[in-house]
Amino acid sequence: MKQVNIEELERVCKPVVEYMKKNCSPHETIVITDEQFKIVADTIVIPVNGCES
């Protein structure tokens, strides 16, 4: 596995975080791959931790 350069990663991610703060809701996530980036929105989230079956 290639070693991660934290400083470089932080430098390139800061503008994305600023974009999200201005243009996205707290229910949206940006997924970045080597071929695309996409904004994904959660429609329904129900935590199941501690639920007994």
C-alpha atoms as a PDB file:
ATOM      1  CA  MET A   1       0.000   0.000   0.000  1.00  0.00           C
ATOM      2  CA  LYS A   2       1.329   3.412  -0.965  1.00  0.00           C
ATOM      3  CA  GLN A   3       2.087   5.755   1.946  1.00  0.00           C
ATOM      4  CA  VAL A   4      -0.341   8.675   2.278  1.00  0.00           C
ATOM      5  CA  ASN A   5       1.040  12.205   2.269  1.00  0.00           C
ATOM      6  CA  ILE A   6      -1.262  13.751   4.868  1.00  0.00           C
ATOM      7  CA  GLU A   7      -0.198  17.338   4.159  1.00  0.00           C
ATOM      8  CA  GLU A   8      -0.891  17.020   0.432  1.00  0.00           C
ATOM      9  CA  LEU A   9      -4.199  15.264   1.035  1.00  0.00           C
ATOM     10  CA  GLU A  10      -5.278  18.014   3.433  1.00  0.00           C
ATOM     11  CA  ARG A  11      -4.258  20.701   0.920  1.00  0.00           C
ATOM     12  CA  VAL A  12      -6.361  19.232  -1.889  1.00  0.00           C
ATOM     13  CA  CYS A  13      -9.355  18.387   0.338  1.00  0.00           C
ATOM     14  CA  LYS A  14      -9.789  21.806   1.949  1.00  0.00           C
ATOM     15  CA  PRO A  15     -11.396  23.379  -1.168  1.00  0.00           C
ATOM     16  CA  VAL A  16     -13.787  20.433  -1.427  1.00  0.00           C
ATOM     17  CA  VAL A  17     -14.821  20.862   2.216  1.00  0.00           C
ATOM     18  CA  GLU A  18     -15.399  24.576   1.638  1.00  0.00           C
ATOM     19  CA  TYR A  19     -17.491  23.776  -1.439  1.00  0.00           C
ATOM     20  CA  MET A  20     -19.606  21.340   0.584  1.00  0.00           C
ATOM     21  CA  LYS A  21     -20.136  23.880   3.373  1.00  0.00           C
ATOM     22  CA  LYS A  22     -21.461  26.410   0.840  1.00  0.00           C
ATOM     23  CA  ASN A  23     -23.389  24.128  -1.528  1.00  0.00           C
ATOM     24  CA  CYS A  24     -24.344  20.858   0.160  1.00  0.00           C
ATOM     25  CA  SER A  25     -26.561  19.734   2.999  1.00  0.00           C
ATOM     26  CA  PRO A  26     -25.353  17.751   6.022  1.00  0.00           C
ATOM     27  CA  HIS A  27     -26.988  14.699   4.410  1.00  0.00           C
ATOM     28  CA  GLU A  28     -24.682  14.724   1.383  1.00  0.00           C
ATOM     29  CA  THR A  29     -21.288  13.099   0.938  1.00  0.00           C
ATOM     30  CA  ILE A  30     -18.723  13.461  -1.837  1.00  0.00           C
ATOM     31  CA  VAL A  31     -17.204  10.207  -3.085  1.00  0.00           C
ATOM     32  CA  ILE A  32     -13.991  10.566  -5.104  1.00  0.00           C
ATOM     33  CA  THR A  33     -12.394   7.799  -7.151  1.00  0.00           C
ATOM     34  CA  ASP A  34      -9.743   7.842  -9.846  1.00  0.00           C
ATOM     35  CA  GLU A  35     -12.492   7.958 -12.496  1.00  0.00           C
ATOM     36  CA  GLN A  36     -15.215  10.209 -11.057  1.00  0.00           C
ATOM     37  CA  PHE A  37     -16.556  12.191  -8.192  1.00  0.00           C
ATOM     38  CA  LYS A  38     -20.160  12.201  -7.089  1.00  0.00           C
ATOM     39  CA  ILE A  39     -22.351  13.788  -4.466  1.00  0.00           C
ATOM     40  CA  VAL A  40     -24.435  11.163  -2.657  1.00  0.00           C
ATOM     41  CA  ALA A  41     -27.439  12.036  -0.501  1.00  0.00           C
ATOM     42  CA  ASP A  42     -28.802   9.938   2.345  1.00  0.00           C
ATOM     43  CA  THR A  43     -32.563   9.582   2.059  1.00  0.00           C
ATOM     44  CA  ILE A  44     -33.265   7.643   5.223  1.00  0.00           C
ATOM     45  CA  VAL A  45     -30.822   6.662   7.951  1.00  0.00           C
ATOM     46  CA  ILE A  46     -31.952   4.609  10.911  1.00  0.00           C
ATOM     47  CA  PRO A  47     -29.235   3.467  13.314  1.00  0.00           C
ATOM     48  CA  VAL A  48     -29.689  -0.119  14.441  1.00  0.00           C
ATOM     49  CA  ASN A  49     -27.010  -0.283  17.131  1.00  0.00           C
ATOM     50  CA  GLY A  50     -28.437  -1.798  20.264  1.00  0.00           C
ATOM     51  CA  CYS A  51     -31.598  -3.065  18.587  1.00  0.00           C
ATOM     52  CA  GLU A  52     -32.613  -6.523  19.722  1.00  0.00           C
ATOM     53  CA  SER A  53     -33.992  -8.989  17.203  1.00  0.00           C
END
